[in-house]
Amino acid sequence: MAKFLAELLGCTLSVKRHSPMFESRSQPHISLKQSTKQKTTPFTSLTNEKSLFDYKRESMPQTPPFAAMFDSSGYNRNLYQSREDSCEGLCYHDNNLLSGSLEALIQHLVPTIDYYPDRTYIFTFLLSSRLFVHPYELMAKVCRLCTEQQRLDEPAGDKSRLRKIAPKILQLLTEWTETFPYDFRDERMMRNLKDLAHRIASGDEQMYRKNVQQIIQSLIRKLASLSQYEEVLAKINASSTDRLTVLKTKPQAIQRDIITICSDPYMLAQQLTHIELERLNYIGPQEFVQAFVQKDPLDNDKSCYGDRKKTRNLEAYVEWFNRLSYLVATEICMPVKKKHRARMIEYFIDVARECFNIGNFNSLMAIISGMNMSPVSRLKKTWSKVKTAKFDILEHQMDPSSNFYNYRTALRGAAQRSLTAHSNREKIVIPFFSLLIKDIYFLNEGCANRLPNGHVNFEKFWELAKQVSEFMTWKQVECPFERDRKILQYLLTVPIFSEDALYLASYESEGPENHIEKDRWKTLRSTLLGRV
């Protein structure tokens, strides 16, 4: 993970092919893995296996549109009218919670007969609390507080009191399981959940037992869907094959290119959007925090932080970005004839433009990244045959200068369109994921988690929650486009070139221009093809 952060923060995406200040890159610009080698996938049939796209989104984690709860400053102005500003251990300013001790914040999460925490606070605290305490430890403390304060463990408890507090506790459990379902993959979480639910449902109220069953059954469905998704990804990754290896052993296995599979750029952009939304939907909000978790200076448990970095779905999404970049470069470098390579470049330019119009900025940037990889950008004779006017416009929109000002402007426009949309087509906003992670990283690094007095810096976590909640809203959009299984299968499974194989294909298409390239070409021919 440390290497991922170094690569992510130390590099600038090269989107200006003709400008000397933007050097061409031989690799896509983001990686979550320790190895810089790009994993590829085999050209195999998935006919007898469940596809990534066979699962219904209704069974996946769904969360409310939290972004609407935050005003322009990131706070909910009417958040704590139920409790006095002088709550012990909590510090407010203008009715906004700014800081507090961890124990006071946990207490603030627990409902009482006359108080229920605002959903904005619930989301923000559950998101950020894992920087200080394990989710299962937090759940244990919440269960203990609920039991002690509300006397749920008394055999002959006050039924009227139970009727007042039980719906609020169940609502808290519902919000936790719906928004952060992956926390409950931990058996300790499930035990605490079932224990508290049993205490509530052990009375005579049939309604509570039914509600408890619904909470647990819904959670189990979501976790089962996640397991199926991860199994499919594992099968694809486990059988990865380099394209050059396939060409040498079974050249007949790869006889098509992307244009023969899908000649319509708009259709390909639609299928790319399917993949993006499908993978985005499985990223839990907690993964943004766990990606950057560090040791809490007030925590003496030195062994508890390794297992918090559960970011597998976030990593899978980054791997998809890298695969798409390599796929674009592979498709361009493969054709023998110059005119076919030029045609492929123009095709991907059109696909990128359609992605921009849809609001799929991540696929757009992956395509631009692939076309700016060194093995592609060095094909000067090929590029001379390409009409680059449309590509220049896209480069301008994704120009990294001024902290990606043009892109951020376009993203705000897409987000505004999404807020007023009348159809799922207009709701689509798929951000450039690498930049989103960078923004969250710098927010995390720029502000301390704790204040000098030991209080949790909750003002920081309001802003963090605001950024993550906006992403949570975007990732829930149902893709309105019809699925094309053949195109999806090609995008996900066709073998792609490694970096060395891309350079070799590039040199074979347009010969080396200097001694350095000639030496590298000879080395690659010797190591990859066994030729001198």
Protein backbone atom coordinates (compact mmCIF):
# COMPACT_ATOMS: atom_id res chain seq x y z
CA MET A 1 0.00 0.00 0.00
CA ALA A 2 2.90 2.35 0.74
CA LYS A 3 4.24 1.84 -2.77
CA PHE A 4 0.78 2.51 -4.18
CA LEU A 5 0.64 5.87 -2.41
CA ALA A 6 4.10 6.80 -3.64
CA GLU A 7 3.22 5.99 -7.25
CA LEU A 8 -0.19 7.61 -7.02
CA LEU A 9 1.04 10.87 -5.54
CA GLY A 10 4.35 11.13 -7.35
CA CYS A 11 3.17 10.90 -10.91
CA THR A 12 1.31 13.22 -13.28
CA LEU A 13 -0.83 11.80 -16.02
CA SER A 14 0.59 12.65 -19.43
CA VAL A 15 -2.23 13.84 -21.61
CA LYS A 16 -0.33 16.29 -23.78
CA ARG A 17 1.31 14.22 -26.47
CA HIS A 18 3.04 17.10 -28.27
CA SER A 19 4.13 19.15 -25.27
CA PRO A 20 7.64 18.58 -23.85
CA MET A 21 6.45 19.24 -20.32
CA PHE A 22 4.31 16.09 -20.44
CA GLU A 23 6.47 13.06 -21.08
CA SER A 24 4.95 9.92 -22.52
CA ARG A 25 4.50 7.14 -20.01
CA SER A 26 5.18 3.48 -20.57
CA GLN A 27 2.65 2.46 -17.91
CA PRO A 28 -0.71 3.68 -16.67
CA HIS A 29 -0.33 6.08 -13.80
CA ILE A 30 -1.96 4.24 -10.92
CA SER A 31 -1.37 0.95 -9.22
CA LEU A 32 -2.42 -0.61 -5.95
CA LYS A 33 -0.20 -3.65 -6.27
CA GLN A 34 3.43 -3.99 -5.27
CA SER A 35 4.38 -5.26 -8.70
CA THR A 36 4.46 -2.92 -11.66
CA LYS A 37 3.61 -5.76 -14.03
CA GLN A 38 0.16 -5.51 -15.51
CA LYS A 39 -2.01 -8.55 -14.94
CA THR A 40 -3.75 -9.83 -18.02
CA THR A 41 -6.65 -12.16 -18.53
CA PRO A 42 -7.08 -15.08 -20.94
CA PHE A 43 -9.27 -15.23 -23.98
CA THR A 44 -11.54 -17.88 -22.58
CA SER A 45 -15.26 -18.45 -22.66
CA LEU A 46 -17.36 -17.63 -19.63
CA THR A 47 -20.35 -19.47 -21.00
CA ASN A 48 -20.48 -21.94 -18.13
CA GLU A 49 -19.59 -19.46 -15.40
CA LYS A 50 -21.47 -16.61 -13.86
CA SER A 51 -20.40 -13.34 -15.36
CA LEU A 52 -19.66 -10.22 -13.40
CA PHE A 53 -22.86 -8.92 -14.91
CA ASP A 54 -25.23 -11.71 -13.94
CA TYR A 55 -25.86 -10.34 -10.48
CA LYS A 56 -28.78 -8.04 -9.87
CA ARG A 57 -27.89 -4.73 -8.34
CA GLU A 58 -30.85 -4.96 -5.97
CA SER A 59 -28.84 -7.47 -3.93
CA MET A 60 -25.83 -5.20 -3.65
CA PRO A 61 -25.17 -2.66 -0.91
CA GLN A 62 -27.38 0.36 -1.40
CA THR A 63 -27.02 3.58 0.56
CA PRO A 64 -29.09 6.74 0.80
CA PRO A 65 -28.10 9.95 -1.03
CA PHE A 66 -26.00 11.37 1.82
CA ALA A 67 -24.60 14.22 -0.26
CA ALA A 68 -27.90 16.07 -0.04
CA MET A 69 -27.52 16.25 3.74
CA PHE A 70 -24.43 18.40 3.56
CA ASP A 71 -24.58 22.11 2.84
CA SER A 72 -21.87 23.97 0.93
CA SER A 73 -19.63 24.07 3.99
CA GLY A 74 -19.93 20.35 4.61
CA TYR A 75 -22.08 20.52 7.73
CA ASN A 76 -25.68 19.91 8.56
CA ARG A 77 -26.73 23.16 10.24
CA ASN A 78 -29.55 21.64 12.30
CA LEU A 79 -27.71 18.56 13.38
CA TYR A 80 -27.84 18.58 17.16
CA GLN A 81 -30.95 20.37 18.27
CA SER A 82 -31.92 17.30 20.28
CA ARG A 83 -28.98 17.70 22.66
CA GLU A 84 -27.47 20.61 24.48
CA ASP A 85 -24.29 22.23 23.16
CA SER A 86 -22.68 21.60 26.51
CA CYS A 87 -22.56 17.81 26.10
CA GLU A 88 -19.65 16.55 28.14
CA GLY A 89 -16.64 15.67 25.99
CA LEU A 90 -18.03 17.31 22.82
CA CYS A 91 -17.07 20.73 21.45
CA TYR A 92 -19.40 22.75 19.22
CA HIS A 93 -19.26 26.00 17.32
CA ASP A 94 -22.38 27.55 15.77
CA ASN A 95 -24.26 24.31 16.40
CA ASN A 96 -21.61 22.28 14.53
CA LEU A 97 -19.73 19.47 16.20
CA LEU A 98 -16.01 20.21 15.81
CA SER A 99 -14.31 17.71 18.12
CA GLY A 100 -14.83 15.33 20.98
CA SER A 101 -13.32 12.50 22.92
CA LEU A 102 -13.74 9.10 21.31
CA GLU A 103 -15.89 7.84 24.17
CA ALA A 104 -18.16 10.90 23.97
CA LEU A 105 -18.55 10.45 20.22
CA ILE A 106 -19.49 6.80 20.72
CA GLN A 107 -22.02 7.83 23.36
CA HIS A 108 -23.38 10.39 20.88
CA LEU A 109 -24.04 7.56 18.42
CA VAL A 110 -26.26 5.62 20.80
CA PRO A 111 -29.97 6.55 20.70
CA THR A 112 -32.03 7.17 23.81
CA ILE A 113 -35.75 7.44 24.40
CA ASP A 114 -35.80 11.11 23.41
CA TYR A 115 -32.79 11.26 21.08
CA TYR A 116 -31.70 9.74 17.80
CA PRO A 117 -28.46 10.80 16.06
CA ASP A 118 -28.75 12.53 12.72
CA ARG A 119 -28.02 10.27 9.74
CA THR A 120 -25.22 12.61 8.70
CA TYR A 121 -23.50 12.07 12.03
CA ILE A 122 -24.05 8.31 11.87
CA PHE A 123 -22.44 8.08 8.43
CA THR A 124 -19.55 10.39 9.32
CA PHE A 125 -18.73 8.66 12.59
CA LEU A 126 -19.06 5.10 11.28
CA LEU A 127 -16.82 6.09 8.35
CA SER A 128 -14.09 7.76 10.41
CA SER A 129 -14.23 5.77 13.65
CA ARG A 130 -12.24 2.91 12.14
CA LEU A 131 -9.19 5.17 12.29
CA PHE A 132 -9.39 4.84 16.06
CA VAL A 133 -11.21 1.63 16.87
CA HIS A 134 -12.04 -1.64 15.11
CA PRO A 135 -15.64 -1.81 13.85
CA TYR A 136 -16.23 -4.91 15.99
CA GLU A 137 -14.95 -3.06 19.05
CA LEU A 138 -17.23 -0.15 18.27
CA MET A 139 -20.18 -2.49 17.82
CA ALA A 140 -19.42 -4.13 21.17
CA LYS A 141 -19.38 -0.74 22.91
CA VAL A 142 -22.61 0.33 21.22
CA CYS A 143 -24.30 -2.91 22.26
CA ARG A 144 -23.08 -2.51 25.83
CA LEU A 145 -24.30 1.09 26.02
CA CYS A 146 -27.69 0.18 24.55
CA THR A 147 -28.06 -2.68 27.01
CA GLU A 148 -26.95 -0.71 30.05
CA GLN A 149 -28.75 2.54 29.34
CA GLN A 150 -31.98 1.07 28.14
CA ARG A 151 -31.99 -1.89 30.55
CA LEU A 152 -32.60 -4.37 27.75
CA ASP A 153 -31.17 -7.16 29.87
CA GLU A 154 -33.83 -6.94 32.55
CA PRO A 155 -36.23 -9.92 32.26
CA ALA A 156 -39.20 -7.86 33.34
CA GLY A 157 -38.17 -4.63 31.75
CA ASP A 158 -40.46 -1.71 31.22
CA LYS A 159 -42.35 -2.61 28.02
CA SER A 160 -43.31 0.97 27.36
CA ARG A 161 -39.67 1.96 27.58
CA LEU A 162 -38.72 -0.87 25.20
CA ARG A 163 -41.37 0.22 22.71
CA LYS A 164 -39.87 3.71 22.67
CA ILE A 165 -36.22 2.76 22.35
CA ALA A 166 -36.34 -0.46 20.28
CA PRO A 167 -37.33 1.19 16.95
CA LYS A 168 -34.44 3.65 17.31
CA ILE A 169 -31.88 0.94 18.01
CA LEU A 170 -33.20 -1.09 15.09
CA GLN A 171 -32.95 1.99 12.86
CA LEU A 172 -29.31 2.46 13.88
CA LEU A 173 -28.57 -1.18 13.11
CA THR A 174 -30.36 -0.83 9.77
CA GLU A 175 -28.28 2.19 8.77
CA TRP A 176 -25.06 0.48 9.82
CA THR A 177 -25.78 -2.76 7.96
CA GLU A 178 -27.00 -1.00 4.83
CA THR A 179 -24.21 1.56 4.60
CA PHE A 180 -21.26 -0.49 5.86
CA PRO A 181 -22.30 -4.11 5.25
CA TYR A 182 -18.71 -5.26 4.72
CA ASP A 183 -17.98 -4.59 8.40
CA PHE A 184 -20.14 -7.60 9.15
CA ARG A 185 -17.90 -10.06 7.36
CA ASP A 186 -16.17 -10.16 10.72
CA GLU A 187 -17.79 -12.90 12.79
CA ARG A 188 -17.38 -10.77 15.92
CA MET A 189 -19.55 -8.09 14.31
CA MET A 190 -22.24 -10.60 13.46
CA ARG A 191 -22.23 -12.01 16.98
CA ASN A 192 -22.70 -8.59 18.52
CA LEU A 193 -25.41 -7.71 15.99
CA LYS A 194 -27.34 -10.91 16.64
CA ASP A 195 -26.94 -10.56 20.40
CA LEU A 196 -28.36 -7.04 20.48
CA ALA A 197 -31.08 -7.95 18.00
CA HIS A 198 -32.03 -10.95 20.15
CA ARG A 199 -32.39 -8.74 23.24
CA ILE A 200 -34.75 -6.46 21.36
CA ALA A 201 -36.77 -9.26 19.78
CA SER A 202 -37.00 -11.41 22.91
CA GLY A 203 -40.10 -9.59 24.13
CA ASP A 204 -43.69 -10.06 23.11
CA GLU A 205 -43.52 -7.65 20.19
CA GLN A 206 -43.81 -9.71 17.00
CA MET A 207 -43.05 -6.63 14.91
CA TYR A 208 -39.54 -6.31 16.37
CA ARG A 209 -38.71 -9.93 15.62
CA LYS A 210 -39.81 -9.42 12.04
CA ASN A 211 -37.70 -6.27 11.71
CA VAL A 212 -34.66 -8.05 13.14
CA GLN A 213 -35.07 -10.90 10.66
CA GLN A 214 -35.34 -8.44 7.79
CA ILE A 215 -32.13 -6.65 8.85
CA ILE A 216 -30.13 -9.87 9.10
CA GLN A 217 -31.53 -11.43 5.93
CA SER A 218 -30.83 -8.29 3.91
CA LEU A 219 -27.28 -8.20 5.26
CA ILE A 220 -26.68 -11.85 4.40
CA ARG A 221 -27.86 -11.26 0.82
CA LYS A 222 -25.46 -8.36 0.40
CA LEU A 223 -22.52 -10.31 1.76
CA ALA A 224 -23.37 -13.28 -0.47
CA SER A 225 -23.44 -10.99 -3.50
CA LEU A 226 -20.04 -9.62 -2.55
CA SER A 227 -18.61 -13.12 -2.20
CA GLN A 228 -19.88 -14.08 -5.65
CA TYR A 229 -18.36 -10.96 -7.15
CA GLU A 230 -14.99 -11.65 -5.56
CA GLU A 231 -15.05 -15.26 -6.72
CA VAL A 232 -15.50 -14.16 -10.33
CA LEU A 233 -12.65 -11.66 -10.06
CA ALA A 234 -10.42 -14.31 -8.49
CA LYS A 235 -11.09 -16.74 -11.35
CA ILE A 236 -10.25 -14.10 -13.93
CA ASN A 237 -7.03 -13.07 -12.19
CA ALA A 238 -5.93 -16.64 -11.48
CA SER A 239 -6.09 -17.58 -15.16
CA SER A 240 -4.38 -14.45 -16.50
CA THR A 241 -2.32 -14.93 -19.65
CA ASP A 242 -0.07 -12.62 -21.59
CA ARG A 243 -1.20 -11.92 -25.14
CA LEU A 244 2.24 -12.56 -26.61
CA THR A 245 2.33 -15.99 -24.98
CA VAL A 246 -1.04 -16.80 -26.51
CA LEU A 247 0.11 -15.60 -29.94
CA LYS A 248 3.21 -17.80 -29.81
CA THR A 249 1.40 -20.94 -28.63
CA LYS A 250 -2.07 -20.56 -30.19
CA PRO A 251 -2.04 -17.76 -32.78
CA GLN A 252 -5.47 -18.80 -34.00
CA ALA A 253 -6.93 -17.98 -30.58
CA ILE A 254 -6.74 -14.25 -31.28
CA GLN A 255 -8.05 -13.45 -34.72
CA ARG A 256 -10.26 -10.46 -33.89
CA ASP A 257 -9.80 -6.93 -32.67
CA ILE A 258 -12.13 -4.64 -30.78
CA ILE A 259 -13.56 -3.07 -33.94
CA THR A 260 -14.68 -6.45 -35.28
CA ILE A 261 -16.39 -7.09 -31.94
CA CYS A 262 -17.97 -3.65 -31.70
CA SER A 263 -17.73 -1.22 -34.59
CA ASP A 264 -19.87 1.45 -32.90
CA PRO A 265 -17.86 3.71 -30.52
CA TYR A 266 -21.02 4.72 -28.67
CA MET A 267 -21.91 1.10 -28.01
CA LEU A 268 -18.44 0.41 -26.64
CA ALA A 269 -18.66 3.47 -24.38
CA GLN A 270 -21.97 2.12 -23.07
CA GLN A 271 -20.43 -1.27 -22.25
CA LEU A 272 -17.46 0.40 -20.57
CA THR A 273 -19.96 2.31 -18.44
CA HIS A 274 -21.57 -1.00 -17.46
CA ILE A 275 -18.24 -2.29 -16.17
CA GLU A 276 -17.42 0.95 -14.38
CA LEU A 277 -20.75 1.15 -12.54
CA GLU A 278 -20.71 -2.55 -11.71
CA ARG A 279 -17.29 -2.34 -10.09
CA LEU A 280 -17.94 1.01 -8.44
CA ASN A 281 -21.03 -0.41 -6.80
CA TYR A 282 -18.97 -2.92 -4.82
CA ILE A 283 -16.58 -0.36 -3.34
CA GLY A 284 -17.55 0.27 0.26
CA PRO A 285 -17.19 3.79 1.69
CA GLN A 286 -14.88 2.45 4.41
CA GLU A 287 -12.27 1.47 1.80
CA PHE A 288 -11.38 5.12 1.23
CA VAL A 289 -10.46 5.42 4.90
CA GLN A 290 -8.80 2.02 5.20
CA ALA A 291 -6.55 2.76 2.23
CA PHE A 292 -4.79 5.46 4.25
CA VAL A 293 -5.18 4.18 7.81
CA GLN A 294 -2.22 4.80 10.10
CA LYS A 295 -1.39 3.99 13.69
CA ASP A 296 -3.44 6.01 16.18
CA PRO A 297 -0.93 7.52 18.64
CA LEU A 298 -3.32 6.86 21.54
CA ASP A 299 -3.82 3.20 20.65
CA ASN A 300 -1.42 0.73 22.30
CA ASP A 301 -2.50 -2.19 20.14
CA LYS A 302 0.25 -2.35 17.54
CA SER A 303 -1.12 -5.41 15.78
CA CYS A 304 -4.60 -4.20 14.94
CA TYR A 305 -3.92 -2.07 11.91
CA GLY A 306 -2.85 -4.62 9.34
CA ASP A 307 -6.27 -6.21 8.96
CA ARG A 308 -8.03 -2.85 8.63
CA LYS A 309 -6.66 -2.24 5.18
CA LYS A 310 -9.36 -4.23 3.46
CA THR A 311 -9.43 -2.42 0.14
CA ARG A 312 -9.81 -5.33 -2.25
CA ASN A 313 -12.73 -3.83 -4.19
CA LEU A 314 -10.98 -0.49 -4.51
CA GLU A 315 -7.89 -2.32 -5.75
CA ALA A 316 -9.94 -4.33 -8.25
CA TYR A 317 -11.31 -1.09 -9.66
CA VAL A 318 -7.83 0.37 -10.08
CA GLU A 319 -6.73 -2.85 -11.79
CA TRP A 320 -9.61 -2.42 -14.22
CA PHE A 321 -8.38 1.08 -15.09
CA ASN A 322 -4.90 -0.30 -15.79
CA ARG A 323 -6.28 -3.16 -17.83
CA LEU A 324 -8.30 -0.80 -19.99
CA SER A 325 -5.23 1.39 -20.60
CA TYR A 326 -3.19 -1.64 -21.65
CA LEU A 327 -6.04 -2.95 -23.78
CA VAL A 328 -6.16 0.33 -25.71
CA ALA A 329 -2.39 0.28 -26.24
CA THR A 330 -2.51 -3.39 -27.29
CA GLU A 331 -5.26 -2.84 -29.84
CA ILE A 332 -3.33 0.07 -31.36
CA CYS A 333 0.06 -1.68 -31.50
CA MET A 334 -1.25 -5.00 -32.85
CA PRO A 335 -2.14 -4.15 -36.50
CA VAL A 336 0.66 -4.66 -39.01
CA LYS A 337 -0.45 -1.94 -41.40
CA LYS A 338 -0.11 1.72 -40.57
CA LYS A 339 -3.58 2.64 -41.83
CA HIS A 340 -5.14 0.02 -39.56
CA ARG A 341 -3.29 1.39 -36.55
CA ALA A 342 -4.44 4.93 -37.44
CA ARG A 343 -7.99 3.68 -37.80
CA MET A 344 -7.78 2.07 -34.35
CA ILE A 345 -6.53 5.31 -32.79
CA GLU A 346 -9.38 7.28 -34.34
CA TYR A 347 -11.82 4.64 -33.12
CA PHE A 348 -10.65 5.01 -29.52
CA ILE A 349 -10.76 8.79 -29.82
CA ASP A 350 -14.44 8.47 -30.71
CA VAL A 351 -15.00 6.04 -27.83
CA ALA A 352 -13.33 8.49 -25.43
CA ARG A 353 -15.52 11.32 -26.68
CA GLU A 354 -18.66 9.23 -26.10
CA CYS A 355 -17.44 8.40 -22.59
CA PHE A 356 -17.05 12.11 -21.91
CA ASN A 357 -20.58 12.82 -23.13
CA ILE A 358 -21.98 10.02 -20.96
CA GLY A 359 -20.14 11.27 -17.88
CA ASN A 360 -17.78 8.29 -17.70
CA PHE A 361 -14.58 10.17 -16.89
CA ASN A 362 -12.70 7.14 -15.59
CA SER A 363 -12.88 5.19 -18.86
CA LEU A 364 -12.12 8.41 -20.72
CA MET A 365 -8.92 8.91 -18.75
CA ALA A 366 -7.93 5.24 -19.09
CA ILE A 367 -8.26 5.50 -22.87
CA ILE A 368 -6.20 8.71 -22.99
CA SER A 369 -3.63 7.09 -20.71
CA GLY A 370 -3.37 4.09 -23.04
CA MET A 371 -2.92 6.27 -26.11
CA ASN A 372 -0.18 8.23 -24.34
CA MET A 373 1.86 5.21 -23.30
CA SER A 374 5.30 5.37 -24.89
CA PRO A 375 4.88 2.35 -27.21
CA VAL A 376 1.87 4.13 -28.76
CA SER A 377 3.02 7.74 -28.69
CA ARG A 378 6.30 6.89 -30.45
CA LEU A 379 4.41 5.68 -33.56
CA LYS A 380 4.94 8.99 -35.36
CA LYS A 381 4.15 7.68 -38.84
CA THR A 382 0.90 6.26 -37.57
CA TRP A 383 -0.09 9.44 -35.75
CA SER A 384 0.63 11.46 -38.90
CA LYS A 385 -2.31 9.67 -40.52
CA VAL A 386 -4.68 10.43 -37.63
CA LYS A 387 -7.12 13.34 -37.49
CA THR A 388 -6.29 14.53 -34.00
CA ALA A 389 -8.60 17.53 -33.64
CA LYS A 390 -11.09 15.62 -31.47
CA PHE A 391 -8.28 14.11 -29.44
CA ASP A 392 -6.79 17.54 -28.78
CA ILE A 393 -10.15 18.67 -27.37
CA LEU A 394 -10.26 15.67 -25.03
CA GLU A 395 -6.68 16.30 -23.93
CA HIS A 396 -7.64 19.87 -23.14
CA GLN A 397 -10.60 18.74 -21.04
CA MET A 398 -8.40 16.34 -19.04
CA ASP A 399 -5.36 18.64 -18.86
CA PRO A 400 -3.66 18.08 -15.46
CA SER A 401 -2.52 21.69 -15.19
CA SER A 402 -4.00 23.86 -12.43
CA ASN A 403 -4.91 20.70 -10.51
CA PHE A 404 -7.09 19.37 -13.33
CA TYR A 405 -9.16 22.56 -13.44
CA ASN A 406 -10.87 21.75 -16.75
CA TYR A 407 -11.78 18.25 -15.63
CA ARG A 408 -13.09 19.46 -12.28
CA THR A 409 -15.27 21.99 -14.09
CA ALA A 410 -16.68 19.26 -16.32
CA LEU A 411 -17.22 17.01 -13.29
CA ARG A 412 -19.18 19.73 -11.49
CA GLY A 413 -21.32 20.12 -14.60
CA ALA A 414 -22.01 16.39 -14.72
CA ALA A 415 -22.79 16.35 -10.98
CA GLN A 416 -25.23 19.22 -11.39
CA ARG A 417 -26.89 17.45 -14.31
CA SER A 418 -27.19 14.35 -12.14
CA LEU A 419 -28.97 16.27 -9.37
CA THR A 420 -31.67 17.54 -11.74
CA ALA A 421 -31.83 14.43 -13.93
CA HIS A 422 -35.10 12.88 -15.02
CA SER A 423 -33.52 9.60 -16.17
CA ASN A 424 -30.68 7.30 -15.18
CA ARG A 425 -28.89 8.28 -18.38
CA GLU A 426 -28.53 11.84 -17.09
CA LYS A 427 -27.58 10.68 -13.58
CA ILE A 428 -24.33 8.99 -14.62
CA VAL A 429 -21.24 10.48 -12.99
CA ILE A 430 -18.15 8.26 -12.96
CA PRO A 431 -15.23 10.31 -11.62
CA PHE A 432 -11.58 9.97 -12.55
CA PHE A 433 -10.88 7.60 -9.69
CA SER A 434 -7.17 8.23 -9.22
CA LEU A 435 -7.80 11.93 -8.67
CA LEU A 436 -10.63 11.23 -6.24
CA ILE A 437 -8.29 9.08 -4.16
CA LYS A 438 -5.61 11.77 -4.31
CA ASP A 439 -8.06 14.37 -3.05
CA ILE A 440 -9.06 12.16 -0.13
CA TYR A 441 -5.42 11.34 0.60
CA PHE A 442 -4.38 14.98 0.78
CA LEU A 443 -7.37 15.79 2.96
CA ASN A 444 -6.32 13.00 5.29
CA GLU A 445 -2.66 14.04 5.32
CA GLY A 446 -3.35 17.76 5.57
CA CYS A 447 -5.27 17.62 8.84
CA ALA A 448 -4.51 15.77 12.05
CA ASN A 449 -6.91 13.06 13.21
CA ARG A 450 -6.56 14.25 16.77
CA LEU A 451 -6.21 17.70 18.30
CA PRO A 452 -3.52 18.54 20.88
CA ASN A 453 -5.99 17.89 23.70
CA GLY A 454 -6.56 14.34 22.46
CA HIS A 455 -9.99 15.05 20.96
CA VAL A 456 -10.96 13.54 17.63
CA ASN A 457 -10.81 16.25 14.96
CA PHE A 458 -14.39 15.85 13.76
CA GLU A 459 -14.25 18.96 11.59
CA LYS A 460 -11.86 17.05 9.32
CA PHE A 461 -14.18 14.07 9.14
CA TRP A 462 -17.17 16.18 8.11
CA GLU A 463 -15.26 17.11 4.97
CA LEU A 464 -14.12 13.52 4.41
CA ALA A 465 -17.69 12.28 4.72
CA LYS A 466 -18.90 14.93 2.31
CA GLN A 467 -16.48 13.75 -0.39
CA VAL A 468 -17.18 10.07 0.14
CA SER A 469 -20.97 10.55 0.34
CA GLU A 470 -20.99 12.23 -3.06
CA PHE A 471 -19.22 9.20 -4.50
CA MET A 472 -21.73 6.93 -2.74
CA THR A 473 -24.56 8.70 -4.52
CA TRP A 474 -22.90 8.37 -7.95
CA LYS A 475 -22.10 4.68 -7.60
CA GLN A 476 -25.74 3.69 -7.03
CA VAL A 477 -26.97 4.79 -10.45
CA GLU A 478 -28.51 1.98 -12.47
CA CYS A 479 -26.83 1.68 -15.86
CA PRO A 480 -29.54 2.48 -18.42
CA PHE A 481 -27.81 0.86 -21.38
CA GLU A 482 -28.54 -2.61 -22.68
CA ARG A 483 -25.83 -5.16 -21.93
CA ASP A 484 -23.98 -6.84 -24.77
CA ARG A 485 -22.45 -9.98 -23.33
CA LYS A 486 -20.06 -10.53 -26.25
CA ILE A 487 -18.54 -7.07 -25.93
CA LEU A 488 -18.35 -7.29 -22.15
CA GLN A 489 -16.64 -10.66 -22.35
CA TYR A 490 -14.07 -9.31 -24.79
CA LEU A 491 -13.28 -6.26 -22.65
CA LEU A 492 -12.83 -8.36 -19.52
CA THR A 493 -11.08 -11.46 -20.85
CA VAL A 494 -9.14 -10.81 -24.05
CA PRO A 495 -5.38 -11.18 -23.41
CA ILE A 496 -3.38 -7.95 -23.47
CA PHE A 497 0.29 -7.19 -23.99
CA SER A 498 2.69 -6.68 -21.13
CA GLU A 499 4.80 -3.51 -21.16
CA ASP A 500 7.74 -5.28 -22.83
CA ALA A 501 5.47 -6.89 -25.42
CA LEU A 502 3.97 -3.49 -26.21
CA TYR A 503 7.41 -2.05 -26.87
CA LEU A 504 8.31 -5.03 -29.06
CA ALA A 505 5.12 -4.66 -31.10
CA SER A 506 5.77 -0.93 -31.41
CA TYR A 507 9.34 -1.46 -32.68
CA GLU A 508 8.14 -4.13 -35.12
CA SER A 509 5.58 -1.67 -36.49
CA GLU A 510 7.88 1.34 -36.69
CA GLY A 511 11.58 0.64 -36.29
CA PRO A 512 13.84 2.05 -33.58
CA GLU A 513 14.96 5.65 -34.05
CA ASN A 514 18.15 5.67 -31.99
CA HIS A 515 20.78 3.39 -30.47
CA ILE A 516 18.93 3.09 -27.18
CA GLU A 517 15.77 1.89 -28.91
CA LYS A 518 17.78 -0.45 -31.15
CA ASP A 519 19.47 -2.07 -28.15
CA ARG A 520 16.15 -2.47 -26.38
CA TRP A 521 14.58 -3.95 -29.50
CA LYS A 522 17.33 -6.55 -29.78
CA THR A 523 16.98 -7.43 -26.13
CA LEU A 524 13.21 -7.79 -26.41
CA ARG A 525 13.42 -9.95 -29.52
CA SER A 526 15.89 -12.18 -27.75
CA THR A 527 13.99 -12.50 -24.47
CA LEU A 528 10.43 -12.57 -25.79
CA LEU A 529 10.81 -14.25 -29.17
CA GLY A 530 14.07 -16.16 -28.76
CA ARG A 531 15.59 -14.35 -31.74
CA VAL A 532 18.98 -12.68 -32.06
